């Protein structure tokens, strides 16, 4: 199974949780990738922030379209298509539609990204349970 996991307001809300989910998925021979609307030039993520998961930067293009036509080209693999079976995304409309964010909106978002990431993570985690 191929699983596409959004970064903003999904993975970054609880990186430890999603990393464990990805590791469990890999144990069962499933593939998890971060699929984000971010730009690979303006909004690139440090690999340490994504637990070394492969990242597909869709640059505002509809995620399903981008993954089908360009995902593995940008990852340096000869295949053209990486079509997820499961999408985990806080904005499911971004899977099938291009972003409508203007340049001004993106600049404002980029300026506030660090603060937003911190404020999303301010909930208290409960005791850790084993599986």
C-alpha atoms as a PDB file:
ATOM      1  CA  UNK A   1       0.000   0.000   0.000  1.00  0.00           C
ATOM      2  CA  UNK A   2       1.223   3.516  -0.800  1.00  0.00           C
ATOM      3  CA  UNK A   3       0.395   6.140   1.827  1.00  0.00           C
ATOM      4  CA  UNK A   4       0.651   9.887   1.191  1.00  0.00           C
ATOM      5  CA  UNK A   5       1.014  11.937   4.371  1.00  0.00           C
ATOM      6  CA  UNK A   6       0.669  15.720   4.320  1.00  0.00           C
ATOM      7  CA  UNK A   7       3.269  17.720   6.241  1.00  0.00           C
ATOM      8  CA  UNK A   8       1.579  20.954   7.397  1.00  0.00           C
ATOM      9  CA  UNK A   9      -1.133  20.418  10.017  1.00  0.00           C
ATOM     10  CA  UNK A  10      -0.651  16.630   9.791  1.00  0.00           C
ATOM     11  CA  UNK A  11       2.883  15.295  10.167  1.00  0.00           C
ATOM     12  CA  UNK A  12       4.189  18.404  11.917  1.00  0.00           C
ATOM     13  CA  UNK A  13       1.467  18.277  14.581  1.00  0.00           C
ATOM     14  CA  UNK A  14       2.957  15.146  16.114  1.00  0.00           C
ATOM     15  CA  UNK A  15       6.150  14.092  14.381  1.00  0.00           C
ATOM     16  CA  UNK A  16       6.842  11.250  16.844  1.00  0.00           C
ATOM     17  CA  UNK A  17       3.408   9.696  16.288  1.00  0.00           C
ATOM     18  CA  UNK A  18       3.571   9.867  12.486  1.00  0.00           C
ATOM     19  CA  UNK A  19       7.139   8.561  12.466  1.00  0.00           C
ATOM     20  CA  UNK A  20       5.979   5.499  14.410  1.00  0.00           C
ATOM     21  CA  UNK A  21       3.031   5.066  12.045  1.00  0.00           C
ATOM     22  CA  UNK A  22       5.434   5.203   9.082  1.00  0.00           C
ATOM     23  CA  UNK A  23       7.788   2.694  10.707  1.00  0.00           C
ATOM     24  CA  UNK A  24       4.909   0.323  11.398  1.00  0.00           C
ATOM     25  CA  UNK A  25       3.711   0.723   7.814  1.00  0.00           C
ATOM     26  CA  UNK A  26       7.214  -0.090   6.513  1.00  0.00           C
ATOM     27  CA  UNK A  27       7.303  -3.174   8.771  1.00  0.00           C
ATOM     28  CA  UNK A  28       4.223  -4.385   6.877  1.00  0.00           C
ATOM     29  CA  UNK A  29       5.848  -3.536   3.509  1.00  0.00           C
ATOM     30  CA  UNK A  30       3.838  -0.375   2.931  1.00  0.00           C
ATOM     31  CA  UNK A  31       5.402   2.809   1.618  1.00  0.00           C
ATOM     32  CA  UNK A  32       4.881   6.216   3.259  1.00  0.00           C
ATOM     33  CA  UNK A  33       5.913   9.507   1.728  1.00  0.00           C
ATOM     34  CA  UNK A  34       5.357  13.092   2.749  1.00  0.00           C
ATOM     35  CA  UNK A  35       3.310  14.738  -0.022  1.00  0.00           C
ATOM     36  CA  UNK A  36       3.128  18.484   0.422  1.00  0.00           C
ATOM     37  CA  UNK A  37       1.867  21.477  -1.535  1.00  0.00           C
ATOM     38  CA  UNK A  38       5.070  23.283  -0.518  1.00  0.00           C
ATOM     39  CA  UNK A  39       7.637  24.520  -3.016  1.00  0.00           C
ATOM     40  CA  UNK A  40      10.918  22.584  -3.181  1.00  0.00           C
ATOM     41  CA  UNK A  41      12.744  25.894  -3.636  1.00  0.00           C
ATOM     42  CA  UNK A  42      10.988  28.254  -1.220  1.00  0.00           C
ATOM     43  CA  UNK A  43       9.686  25.814   1.411  1.00  0.00           C
ATOM     44  CA  UNK A  44      12.056  22.829   1.443  1.00  0.00           C
ATOM     45  CA  UNK A  45      12.067  20.728   4.598  1.00  0.00           C
ATOM     46  CA  UNK A  46      15.220  19.556   6.346  1.00  0.00           C
ATOM     47  CA  UNK A  47      15.332  15.742   6.237  1.00  0.00           C
ATOM     48  CA  UNK A  48      15.664  15.672  10.031  1.00  0.00           C
ATOM     49  CA  UNK A  49      12.236  17.369  10.276  1.00  0.00           C
ATOM     50  CA  UNK A  50      10.561  14.577   8.333  1.00  0.00           C
ATOM     51  CA  UNK A  51      12.290  11.594   9.950  1.00  0.00           C
ATOM     52  CA  UNK A  52      14.039  10.837   6.663  1.00  0.00           C
ATOM     53  CA  UNK A  53      10.765  10.040   4.897  1.00  0.00           C
ATOM     54  CA  UNK A  54      10.848  10.784   1.164  1.00  0.00           C
ATOM     55  CA  UNK A  55       9.211  14.149   0.403  1.00  0.00           C
ATOM     56  CA  UNK A  56       7.245  14.981  -2.734  1.00  0.00           C
ATOM     57  CA  UNK A  57       6.934  18.745  -3.242  1.00  0.00           C
ATOM     58  CA  UNK A  58       3.892  19.472  -5.394  1.00  0.00           C
ATOM     59  CA  UNK A  59       4.506  23.245  -5.518  1.00  0.00           C
ATOM     60  CA  UNK A  60       0.800  24.105  -5.385  1.00  0.00           C
ATOM     61  CA  UNK A  61      -0.183  21.609  -8.086  1.00  0.00           C
ATOM     62  CA  UNK A  62      -2.963  19.135  -7.297  1.00  0.00           C
ATOM     63  CA  UNK A  63      -1.274  16.354  -5.336  1.00  0.00           C
ATOM     64  CA  UNK A  64      -2.911  13.407  -7.131  1.00  0.00           C
ATOM     65  CA  UNK A  65      -1.965  14.832 -10.546  1.00  0.00           C
ATOM     66  CA  UNK A  66       1.582  15.671  -9.468  1.00  0.00           C
ATOM     67  CA  UNK A  67       2.198  12.266  -7.898  1.00  0.00           C
ATOM     68  CA  UNK A  68       0.902  10.478 -10.974  1.00  0.00           C
ATOM     69  CA  UNK A  69       2.914  12.446 -13.533  1.00  0.00           C
ATOM     70  CA  UNK A  70       6.018  13.726 -11.750  1.00  0.00           C
ATOM     71  CA  UNK A  71       6.608  12.223  -8.292  1.00  0.00           C
ATOM     72  CA  UNK A  72       9.360   9.748  -9.025  1.00  0.00           C
ATOM     73  CA  UNK A  73      11.062  11.965 -11.568  1.00  0.00           C
ATOM     74  CA  UNK A  74      11.744  14.519  -8.848  1.00  0.00           C
ATOM     75  CA  UNK A  75      12.956  11.733  -6.579  1.00  0.00           C
ATOM     76  CA  UNK A  76      15.522  10.595  -9.123  1.00  0.00           C
ATOM     77  CA  UNK A  77      13.777   7.309  -9.948  1.00  0.00           C
ATOM     78  CA  UNK A  78      13.116   6.303 -13.565  1.00  0.00           C
ATOM     79  CA  UNK A  79       9.415   5.594 -13.032  1.00  0.00           C
ATOM     80  CA  UNK A  80       7.061   8.508 -13.584  1.00  0.00           C
ATOM     81  CA  UNK A  81       4.183   7.585 -11.342  1.00  0.00           C
ATOM     82  CA  UNK A  82       3.676   7.159  -7.609  1.00  0.00           C
ATOM     83  CA  UNK A  83      -0.067   6.773  -7.028  1.00  0.00           C
ATOM     84  CA  UNK A  84      -1.036   6.612  -3.344  1.00  0.00           C
ATOM     85  CA  UNK A  85      -3.761   4.273  -2.185  1.00  0.00           C
ATOM     86  CA  UNK A  86      -4.351   6.305   0.997  1.00  0.00           C
ATOM     87  CA  UNK A  87      -4.200  10.088   1.492  1.00  0.00           C
ATOM     88  CA  UNK A  88      -3.816  11.633   4.957  1.00  0.00           C
ATOM     89  CA  UNK A  89      -4.366  15.357   4.563  1.00  0.00           C
ATOM     90  CA  UNK A  90      -5.969  18.173   6.561  1.00  0.00           C
ATOM     91  CA  UNK A  91      -7.160  19.733   3.265  1.00  0.00           C
ATOM     92  CA  UNK A  92      -8.422  16.871   1.116  1.00  0.00           C
ATOM     93  CA  UNK A  93      -9.375  19.348  -1.616  1.00  0.00           C
ATOM     94  CA  UNK A  94      -5.617  19.822  -2.214  1.00  0.00           C
ATOM     95  CA  UNK A  95      -5.378  16.211  -3.332  1.00  0.00           C
ATOM     96  CA  UNK A  96      -7.505  16.894  -6.405  1.00  0.00           C
ATOM     97  CA  UNK A  97      -7.233  20.643  -6.968  1.00  0.00           C
ATOM     98  CA  UNK A  98      -4.446  23.147  -7.457  1.00  0.00           C
ATOM     99  CA  UNK A  99      -3.748  25.613  -4.664  1.00  0.00           C
ATOM    100  CA  UNK A 100      -5.504  28.946  -5.032  1.00  0.00           C
ATOM    101  CA  UNK A 101      -3.057  30.760  -2.742  1.00  0.00           C
ATOM    102  CA  UNK A 102      -1.735  33.987  -4.198  1.00  0.00           C
ATOM    103  CA  UNK A 103       1.905  35.028  -4.020  1.00  0.00           C
ATOM    104  CA  UNK A 104       1.018  37.493  -1.236  1.00  0.00           C
ATOM    105  CA  UNK A 105      -0.778  34.824   0.797  1.00  0.00           C
ATOM    106  CA  UNK A 106       2.192  32.454   0.432  1.00  0.00           C
ATOM    107  CA  UNK A 107       4.658  35.160   1.508  1.00  0.00           C
ATOM    108  CA  UNK A 108       2.566  35.870   4.610  1.00  0.00           C
ATOM    109  CA  UNK A 109       2.319  32.126   5.347  1.00  0.00           C
ATOM    110  CA  UNK A 110       6.068  31.657   4.928  1.00  0.00           C
ATOM    111  CA  UNK A 111       6.728  34.516   7.338  1.00  0.00           C
ATOM    112  CA  UNK A 112       4.502  32.898   9.975  1.00  0.00           C
ATOM    113  CA  UNK A 113       5.406  29.223   9.381  1.00  0.00           C
ATOM    114  CA  UNK A 114       7.764  28.906  12.340  1.00  0.00           C
ATOM    115  CA  UNK A 115       5.261  30.427  14.736  1.00  0.00           C
ATOM    116  CA  UNK A 116       2.418  28.339  13.355  1.00  0.00           C
ATOM    117  CA  UNK A 117       4.348  25.101  13.777  1.00  0.00           C
ATOM    118  CA  UNK A 118       5.033  25.917  17.418  1.00  0.00           C
ATOM    119  CA  UNK A 119       1.444  26.876  18.219  1.00  0.00           C
ATOM    120  CA  UNK A 120       0.022  23.693  16.660  1.00  0.00           C
ATOM    121  CA  UNK A 121       2.189  21.556  18.927  1.00  0.00           C
ATOM    122  CA  UNK A 122       1.161  23.100  22.245  1.00  0.00           C
ATOM    123  CA  UNK A 123      -1.108  20.306  23.391  1.00  0.00           C
ATOM    124  CA  UNK A 124      -0.151  18.051  26.256  1.00  0.00           C
ATOM    125  CA  UNK A 125       0.785  14.524  25.338  1.00  0.00           C
ATOM    126  CA  UNK A 126      -0.546  11.783  27.540  1.00  0.00           C
ATOM    127  CA  UNK A 127       1.387   8.772  28.813  1.00  0.00           C
ATOM    128  CA  UNK A 128       2.869   6.610  26.115  1.00  0.00           C
ATOM    129  CA  UNK A 129       1.255   3.218  25.666  1.00  0.00           C
ATOM    130  CA  UNK A 130       2.895   0.200  24.123  1.00  0.00           C
ATOM    131  CA  UNK A 131       1.263  -1.770  21.331  1.00  0.00           C
END
